[in-house]
Amino acid sequence: MNFDLPDDLAALKDLAAKFAAEHVAPYARAWDRDADIPRELIRKLGETGFLGIFTPEQYGGTALGDLGAAIIMEEFARHCGATALMLDAHNSLCTAHLLIGANDDQKAKHLPPLARGDYLGAWALTEPGCGSDSVAMTTTAEDRGDAWVLNGAKQFITNGHYAGVFVVMARTKPEGGKNGISAFIVERGTPGLIIGPKEDKMGMRASDTVGLTFDNCRIPKENLCGPLHGGFRDAMKTLERGRITISGISVGLARGAFEEALAYSKQRHAFGKPIFDHQSIQFMLADMAVDIEAGRLLTHKAAMMSDAGEDCNADASIAKLFTSEMATKACLASIQIHGGYGYTKEVPVERLMRDAKLCEIGEGSSQIQRVIIAKTLLGG
């Protein structure tokens, strides 16, 4: 068992780290303040291949797989969780669902511009009245013969403000439960698609999050993505991949908090010596280092299983549960080590902490991950 990254992924890690340090880290605080990521960054991300992480080369992507994605997310999240979340929703939700459900014509139409960064992709499952209970969705898609007509609302849609294409889940069989939900491709500018204002969030502020309303939104029949009534199954497959990338984000946020705390502990003096020399601080840093290493190993294991085509549903949930809760814990410890400065915006750790909390909620809350893990233990 070799825990060293192969040469190509080690080079990818270096590339992502260099890009994030140069193009993200210096601006992350301003983007958080302004609640916006400049479009220029999207262009650079597309040019470097970070918007086509899962996309096959024939469609202009880099086909890096889940381990590559986890590595990239960690490097970006170390400096800015919001930028990593934008990449996650684009690659691991929208693009990943297209790769699962779209036909060849749909892939040829949408995957190349998504990989280039012509526009971002968004994925719409959550609704105002149902978050974790996604089977209870009320957005409908009615077959009108020559078109599908969507009515309803979605909430907390990442990238929704700027996205050029949305993969939307809607009910196509009123009494079908999870077997009555289908997925649809909805392009920006379609009449009846109403994009709401950006949410004013606690964290991940630079990553735009909006609500969507569908008011007799008429889309072509060929925009059905995947089998009729099979959208929920494809959505769950998509979320499995998304949990791995969220784990990578969580590890990156925790690592950022740890590295900031370690550096500060060597500079800050108290009682005549650097605070790192106090055993209480050493223990906090040691615990952070152990948790981060464990979280990274769990994440990489789930990613490697996914890349190998193995069932990683439980392993992805284990990684997501552990890393997301660990990230919040690490960020809080880093704030404590920074003392009063940690409670100000002069240092990055308060932003990292605000970003980290979302990882316990998005793409399946910690409670849902425990349900998935428990079902696996019971053989369900």
Protein backbone atom coordinates (compact mmCIF):
# COMPACT_ATOMS: atom_id res chain seq x y z
CA MET A 1 0.00 0.00 0.00
CA ASN A 2 1.64 3.22 -1.22
CA PHE A 3 0.43 6.49 0.26
CA ASP A 4 2.63 8.66 -1.96
CA LEU A 5 0.88 10.48 -4.80
CA PRO A 6 1.89 9.34 -8.29
CA ASP A 7 4.02 11.82 -10.21
CA ASP A 8 1.15 13.23 -12.27
CA LEU A 9 -1.01 13.95 -9.22
CA ALA A 10 1.94 15.35 -7.29
CA ALA A 11 2.49 17.75 -10.20
CA LEU A 12 -1.23 18.56 -10.16
CA LYS A 13 -1.02 19.36 -6.45
CA ASP A 14 1.88 21.74 -7.09
CA LEU A 15 0.00 23.39 -9.97
CA ALA A 16 -3.14 23.90 -7.89
CA ALA A 17 -1.15 25.20 -4.92
CA LYS A 18 0.74 27.68 -7.11
CA PHE A 19 -2.43 28.89 -8.84
CA ALA A 20 -4.31 29.33 -5.56
CA ALA A 21 -1.39 31.14 -3.92
CA GLU A 22 -1.03 33.57 -6.84
CA HIS A 23 -4.58 34.13 -8.05
CA VAL A 24 -6.76 33.45 -5.00
CA ALA A 25 -4.98 34.00 -1.67
CA PRO A 26 -4.18 37.72 -2.11
CA TYR A 27 -7.80 38.55 -2.94
CA ALA A 28 -9.82 36.15 -0.80
CA ARG A 29 -10.54 38.68 1.95
CA ALA A 30 -11.79 41.27 -0.55
CA TRP A 31 -13.94 38.71 -2.35
CA ASP A 32 -15.45 37.68 0.98
CA ARG A 33 -16.18 41.32 1.82
CA ASP A 34 -17.72 42.05 -1.59
CA ALA A 35 -19.50 38.66 -1.81
CA ASP A 36 -18.26 38.15 -5.35
CA ILE A 37 -15.63 36.30 -7.37
CA PRO A 38 -14.49 38.23 -10.46
CA ARG A 39 -15.31 36.75 -13.87
CA GLU A 40 -11.64 37.10 -14.80
CA LEU A 41 -10.83 34.28 -12.38
CA ILE A 42 -13.35 32.03 -14.13
CA ARG A 43 -11.51 32.58 -17.41
CA LYS A 44 -8.16 31.71 -15.80
CA LEU A 45 -9.62 28.61 -14.14
CA GLY A 46 -10.91 27.43 -17.52
CA GLU A 47 -7.58 28.03 -19.22
CA THR A 48 -5.76 26.02 -16.56
CA GLY A 49 -8.19 23.08 -16.72
CA PHE A 50 -9.81 23.45 -13.31
CA LEU A 51 -13.32 23.75 -14.79
CA GLY A 52 -13.12 20.40 -16.57
CA ILE A 53 -11.81 18.20 -13.76
CA PHE A 54 -14.11 15.28 -14.59
CA THR A 55 -14.79 16.12 -18.24
CA PRO A 56 -13.28 13.69 -20.78
CA GLU A 57 -10.55 15.05 -23.02
CA GLN A 58 -12.78 14.67 -26.09
CA TYR A 59 -14.94 17.46 -24.64
CA GLY A 60 -12.02 19.68 -23.68
CA GLY A 61 -11.62 18.51 -20.09
CA THR A 62 -8.75 17.08 -18.12
CA ALA A 63 -10.43 13.89 -16.80
CA LEU A 64 -8.52 14.00 -13.52
CA GLY A 65 -10.95 11.86 -11.52
CA ASP A 66 -12.02 12.03 -7.91
CA LEU A 67 -8.57 11.88 -6.34
CA GLY A 68 -7.40 14.70 -8.57
CA ALA A 69 -10.50 16.70 -7.65
CA ALA A 70 -9.93 16.16 -3.92
CA ILE A 71 -6.35 17.35 -4.25
CA ILE A 72 -7.40 20.47 -6.16
CA MET A 73 -10.16 21.31 -3.68
CA GLU A 74 -7.78 21.07 -0.74
CA GLU A 75 -5.29 23.46 -2.31
CA PHE A 76 -7.93 26.05 -3.19
CA ALA A 77 -9.82 25.77 0.10
CA ARG A 78 -6.61 26.28 2.07
CA HIS A 79 -6.88 29.94 0.98
CA CYS A 80 -10.55 30.43 0.07
CA GLY A 81 -13.42 28.06 0.73
CA ALA A 82 -15.73 30.04 -1.54
CA THR A 83 -13.56 29.55 -4.62
CA ALA A 84 -13.32 25.83 -3.88
CA LEU A 85 -17.10 25.64 -3.44
CA MET A 86 -17.63 27.32 -6.79
CA LEU A 87 -15.38 24.70 -8.38
CA ASP A 88 -17.18 21.94 -6.50
CA ALA A 89 -20.67 22.90 -7.66
CA HIS A 90 -19.47 23.38 -11.23
CA ASN A 91 -17.50 20.15 -11.51
CA SER A 92 -18.89 17.71 -8.96
CA LEU A 93 -22.57 18.57 -9.28
CA CYS A 94 -23.50 20.12 -12.62
CA THR A 95 -20.83 18.56 -14.84
CA ALA A 96 -20.85 15.26 -12.93
CA HIS A 97 -24.62 14.90 -13.37
CA LEU A 98 -24.30 15.61 -17.10
CA LEU A 99 -21.66 12.90 -17.34
CA ILE A 100 -24.03 10.46 -15.64
CA GLY A 101 -27.31 11.29 -17.34
CA ALA A 102 -26.80 13.37 -20.49
CA ASN A 103 -26.87 11.85 -23.95
CA ASP A 104 -24.10 12.37 -26.50
CA ASP A 105 -25.71 15.42 -28.08
CA GLN A 106 -26.24 17.08 -24.70
CA LYS A 107 -22.67 16.36 -23.67
CA ALA A 108 -21.30 17.75 -26.94
CA LYS A 109 -23.34 20.91 -26.49
CA HIS A 110 -22.66 21.71 -22.84
CA LEU A 111 -19.46 20.03 -21.65
CA PRO A 112 -16.95 21.94 -23.83
CA PRO A 113 -18.15 25.45 -22.86
CA LEU A 114 -18.37 24.39 -19.21
CA ALA A 115 -14.78 23.13 -19.33
CA ARG A 116 -13.56 26.28 -21.06
CA GLY A 117 -15.26 28.53 -18.54
CA ASP A 118 -17.56 30.18 -21.09
CA TYR A 119 -20.06 29.95 -18.27
CA LEU A 120 -20.47 28.22 -14.92
CA GLY A 121 -22.73 25.27 -14.23
CA ALA A 122 -25.25 24.96 -11.40
CA TRP A 123 -27.26 22.08 -9.95
CA ALA A 124 -30.74 22.48 -8.47
CA LEU A 125 -32.10 19.91 -6.03
CA THR A 126 -32.88 21.71 -2.74
CA GLU A 127 -36.21 23.50 -2.34
CA PRO A 128 -37.45 26.07 0.20
CA GLY A 129 -39.65 23.49 1.92
CA CYS A 130 -37.41 20.45 1.70
CA GLY A 131 -33.67 20.29 2.20
CA SER A 132 -32.49 16.89 3.37
CA ASP A 133 -35.90 15.39 2.48
CA SER A 134 -35.35 15.88 -1.25
CA VAL A 135 -37.95 13.24 -2.18
CA ALA A 136 -40.57 15.68 -0.91
CA MET A 137 -39.80 18.18 -3.68
CA THR A 138 -42.78 19.96 -5.21
CA THR A 139 -41.25 21.47 -8.36
CA THR A 140 -43.03 19.83 -11.29
CA ALA A 141 -42.28 19.19 -14.93
CA GLU A 142 -45.35 18.60 -17.08
CA ASP A 143 -45.21 16.97 -20.50
CA ARG A 144 -47.04 19.29 -22.88
CA GLY A 145 -46.35 17.22 -25.97
CA ASP A 146 -43.82 19.46 -27.66
CA ALA A 147 -42.13 20.70 -24.49
CA TRP A 148 -41.66 20.27 -20.76
CA VAL A 149 -43.11 23.01 -18.56
CA LEU A 150 -41.50 23.53 -15.16
CA ASN A 151 -43.20 25.17 -12.19
CA GLY A 152 -41.87 25.53 -8.66
CA ALA A 153 -38.91 26.89 -6.74
CA LYS A 154 -35.39 25.86 -5.75
CA GLN A 155 -33.27 27.29 -2.95
CA PHE A 156 -29.57 27.66 -2.03
CA ILE A 157 -28.32 27.08 -5.57
CA THR A 158 -24.55 27.55 -5.75
CA ASN A 159 -23.30 29.40 -8.85
CA GLY A 160 -26.92 30.22 -9.67
CA HIS A 161 -26.35 33.95 -10.08
CA TYR A 162 -23.85 33.53 -12.93
CA ALA A 163 -24.53 30.03 -14.25
CA GLY A 164 -25.15 29.54 -17.95
CA VAL A 165 -26.77 26.13 -17.52
CA PHE A 166 -28.66 24.41 -14.71
CA VAL A 167 -29.36 20.73 -14.07
CA VAL A 168 -32.76 20.81 -12.35
CA MET A 169 -34.61 18.01 -10.57
CA ALA A 170 -38.40 18.09 -10.87
CA ARG A 171 -41.33 15.80 -10.20
CA THR A 172 -42.71 14.08 -13.30
CA LYS A 173 -44.94 11.54 -11.55
CA PRO A 174 -47.07 12.97 -8.69
CA GLU A 175 -47.27 9.74 -6.70
CA GLY A 176 -43.96 8.25 -7.72
CA GLY A 177 -41.86 9.15 -4.69
CA LYS A 178 -38.18 8.93 -5.53
CA ASN A 179 -39.11 7.06 -8.71
CA GLY A 180 -41.15 9.99 -9.96
CA ILE A 181 -38.36 12.57 -10.25
CA SER A 182 -36.53 13.50 -13.45
CA ALA A 183 -33.60 15.74 -14.30
CA PHE A 184 -33.69 18.53 -16.87
CA ILE A 185 -31.19 20.87 -18.51
CA VAL A 186 -32.34 24.47 -18.28
CA GLU A 187 -30.33 27.15 -20.04
CA ARG A 188 -29.93 30.66 -18.75
CA GLY A 189 -32.32 33.09 -20.42
CA THR A 190 -35.11 30.56 -20.83
CA PRO A 191 -38.43 32.39 -20.39
CA GLY A 192 -39.96 31.51 -17.04
CA LEU A 193 -36.62 30.92 -15.31
CA ILE A 194 -36.34 33.60 -12.62
CA ILE A 195 -33.01 33.93 -10.82
CA GLY A 196 -33.30 35.46 -7.37
CA PRO A 197 -30.87 37.79 -5.58
CA LYS A 198 -27.71 36.53 -3.92
CA GLU A 199 -28.13 35.22 -0.39
CA ASP A 200 -26.32 37.27 2.27
CA LYS A 201 -24.47 34.40 3.91
CA MET A 202 -22.35 33.95 7.00
CA GLY A 203 -19.56 32.16 5.13
CA MET A 204 -18.57 31.08 1.63
CA ARG A 205 -19.68 34.62 0.83
CA ALA A 206 -17.81 35.04 -2.45
CA SER A 207 -19.53 31.95 -3.85
CA ASP A 208 -22.92 33.13 -5.08
CA THR A 209 -26.01 31.34 -3.79
CA VAL A 210 -29.52 32.12 -5.05
CA GLY A 211 -33.06 30.88 -5.23
CA LEU A 212 -34.67 29.91 -8.53
CA THR A 213 -38.29 30.20 -9.56
CA PHE A 214 -39.84 28.36 -12.49
CA ASP A 215 -42.97 30.10 -13.77
CA ASN A 216 -44.32 28.07 -16.67
CA CYS A 217 -40.71 27.63 -17.75
CA ARG A 218 -40.95 25.95 -21.14
CA ILE A 219 -37.95 23.84 -22.23
CA PRO A 220 -37.48 21.53 -25.24
CA LYS A 221 -38.41 17.87 -24.89
CA GLU A 222 -34.81 16.93 -25.66
CA ASN A 223 -33.67 18.68 -22.46
CA LEU A 224 -34.65 15.70 -20.33
CA CYS A 225 -31.34 14.59 -18.80
CA GLY A 226 -31.23 10.85 -18.25
CA PRO A 227 -34.17 8.44 -18.08
CA LEU A 228 -37.66 9.66 -17.36
CA HIS A 229 -38.38 9.27 -13.61
CA GLY A 230 -34.70 8.34 -13.08
CA GLY A 231 -33.44 11.74 -11.96
CA PHE A 232 -33.36 11.02 -8.25
CA ARG A 233 -31.13 7.99 -8.72
CA ASP A 234 -28.71 10.04 -10.84
CA ALA A 235 -28.83 12.87 -8.28
CA MET A 236 -27.80 10.50 -5.50
CA LYS A 237 -24.90 9.24 -7.61
CA THR A 238 -23.88 12.84 -8.20
CA LEU A 239 -24.02 13.64 -4.49
CA GLU A 240 -21.76 10.68 -3.75
CA ARG A 241 -19.05 12.31 -5.85
CA GLY A 242 -19.86 15.70 -4.33
CA ARG A 243 -19.29 14.39 -0.82
CA ILE A 244 -15.73 13.49 -1.76
CA THR A 245 -14.95 16.95 -3.08
CA ILE A 246 -16.58 18.59 -0.03
CA SER A 247 -14.26 16.41 2.05
CA GLY A 248 -11.32 17.81 0.11
CA ILE A 249 -12.59 21.34 0.79
CA SER A 250 -12.93 20.55 4.49
CA VAL A 251 -9.37 19.25 4.69
CA GLY A 252 -8.13 22.38 2.92
CA LEU A 253 -9.95 24.70 5.31
CA ALA A 254 -8.63 22.79 8.33
CA ARG A 255 -5.12 22.85 6.90
CA GLY A 256 -5.35 26.58 6.34
CA ALA A 257 -6.44 27.12 9.94
CA PHE A 258 -3.62 24.88 11.19
CA GLU A 259 -0.90 26.54 9.12
CA GLU A 260 -2.03 30.02 10.16
CA ALA A 261 -2.09 28.98 13.83
CA LEU A 262 1.32 27.29 13.64
CA ALA A 263 2.92 30.36 12.08
CA TYR A 264 1.30 32.70 14.59
CA SER A 265 2.32 30.53 17.55
CA LYS A 266 5.97 30.91 16.57
CA GLN A 267 5.72 34.70 16.29
CA ARG A 268 3.53 35.57 19.27
CA HIS A 269 5.30 35.78 22.63
CA ALA A 270 3.67 35.41 26.05
CA PHE A 271 5.27 34.92 29.45
CA GLY A 272 8.69 35.42 27.99
CA LYS A 273 8.63 32.90 25.14
CA PRO A 274 6.80 32.04 21.89
CA ILE A 275 3.38 30.64 22.68
CA PHE A 276 4.34 27.52 20.69
CA ASP A 277 6.65 26.65 23.58
CA HIS A 278 3.67 26.38 25.91
CA GLN A 279 2.50 22.78 26.09
CA SER A 280 -1.17 23.72 25.97
CA ILE A 281 -0.64 25.27 22.52
CA GLN A 282 1.48 22.34 21.38
CA PHE A 283 -1.30 19.92 22.29
CA MET A 284 -3.87 21.93 20.32
CA LEU A 285 -1.65 22.00 17.26
CA ALA A 286 -0.83 18.31 17.60
CA ASP A 287 -4.52 17.41 17.72
CA MET A 288 -5.17 19.53 14.63
CA ALA A 289 -2.34 17.85 12.73
CA VAL A 290 -3.63 14.36 13.59
CA ASP A 291 -7.20 15.19 12.55
CA ILE A 292 -6.10 16.72 9.25
CA GLU A 293 -3.97 13.72 8.37
CA ALA A 294 -6.81 11.34 9.23
CA GLY A 295 -9.28 13.40 7.21
CA ARG A 296 -7.03 13.48 4.18
CA LEU A 297 -6.55 9.71 4.28
CA LEU A 298 -10.31 9.12 4.53
CA THR A 299 -10.90 11.48 1.62
CA HIS A 300 -8.25 9.94 -0.59
CA LYS A 301 -9.51 6.44 0.18
CA ALA A 302 -13.06 7.30 -0.91
CA ALA A 303 -11.73 9.09 -3.99
CA MET A 304 -9.57 6.15 -5.03
CA MET A 305 -12.49 3.76 -4.58
CA SER A 306 -14.66 5.99 -6.77
CA ASP A 307 -11.96 6.23 -9.44
CA ALA A 308 -11.69 2.42 -9.41
CA GLY A 309 -15.45 2.09 -9.96
CA GLU A 310 -16.03 0.57 -6.52
CA ASP A 311 -19.03 1.25 -4.30
CA CYS A 312 -17.90 4.13 -2.08
CA ASN A 313 -21.25 5.40 -0.81
CA ALA A 314 -20.49 4.72 2.86
CA ASP A 315 -16.82 5.69 2.55
CA ALA A 316 -17.73 9.03 0.97
CA SER A 317 -20.16 9.68 3.83
CA ILE A 318 -17.56 8.70 6.43
CA ALA A 319 -15.03 11.07 4.86
CA LYS A 320 -17.54 13.90 4.56
CA LEU A 321 -18.83 13.53 8.11
CA PHE A 322 -15.39 13.37 9.71
CA THR A 323 -13.69 16.08 7.66
CA SER A 324 -16.50 18.62 7.81
CA GLU A 325 -16.86 18.43 11.59
CA MET A 326 -13.08 18.30 11.95
CA ALA A 327 -12.69 21.47 9.86
CA THR A 328 -14.98 23.49 12.09
CA LYS A 329 -13.17 22.17 15.16
CA ALA A 330 -9.76 23.04 13.69
CA CYS A 331 -10.84 26.54 12.73
CA LEU A 332 -12.20 27.20 16.21
CA ALA A 333 -8.94 25.95 17.74
CA SER A 334 -6.99 28.24 15.43
CA ILE A 335 -9.06 31.22 16.52
CA GLN A 336 -8.38 30.31 20.14
CA ILE A 337 -4.64 30.16 19.48
CA HIS A 338 -4.78 33.57 17.79
CA GLY A 339 -6.61 34.99 20.81
CA GLY A 340 -8.23 38.37 20.23
CA TYR A 341 -6.70 38.69 16.76
CA GLY A 342 -8.48 35.51 15.71
CA TYR A 343 -11.79 37.27 16.29
CA THR A 344 -10.92 40.02 13.81
CA LYS A 345 -10.70 40.14 10.04
CA GLU A 346 -7.01 40.99 10.26
CA VAL A 347 -6.20 37.29 10.03
CA PRO A 348 -7.79 34.68 7.72
CA VAL A 349 -8.93 32.23 10.38
CA GLU A 350 -12.27 33.87 11.17
CA ARG A 351 -13.17 33.65 7.46
CA LEU A 352 -12.01 30.05 7.26
CA MET A 353 -14.21 29.21 10.25
CA ARG A 354 -17.25 30.84 8.63
CA ASP A 355 -16.53 28.93 5.43
CA ALA A 356 -16.03 25.62 7.22
CA LYS A 357 -19.45 25.53 8.85
CA LEU A 358 -21.20 25.11 5.51
CA CYS A 359 -19.35 21.83 4.94
CA GLU A 360 -21.39 20.29 7.76
CA ILE A 361 -24.61 21.33 5.99
CA GLY A 362 -24.21 21.33 2.20
CA GLU A 363 -24.40 18.24 -0.03
CA GLY A 364 -25.93 16.24 2.80
CA SER A 365 -25.83 17.38 6.41
CA SER A 366 -23.86 15.58 9.11
CA GLN A 367 -27.12 14.01 10.26
CA ILE A 368 -27.81 12.60 6.79
CA GLN A 369 -24.27 11.20 6.61
CA ARG A 370 -24.86 9.37 9.89
CA VAL A 371 -28.09 7.94 8.46
CA ILE A 372 -26.22 6.66 5.38
CA ILE A 373 -23.43 5.16 7.49
CA ALA A 374 -25.90 3.52 9.89
CA LYS A 375 -27.86 1.98 7.02
CA THR A 376 -24.64 0.49 5.72
CA LEU A 377 -23.90 -1.00 9.12
CA LEU A 378 -27.35 -2.56 9.10
CA GLY A 379 -26.81 -3.92 5.62
CA GLY A 380 -29.36 -1.55 4.08
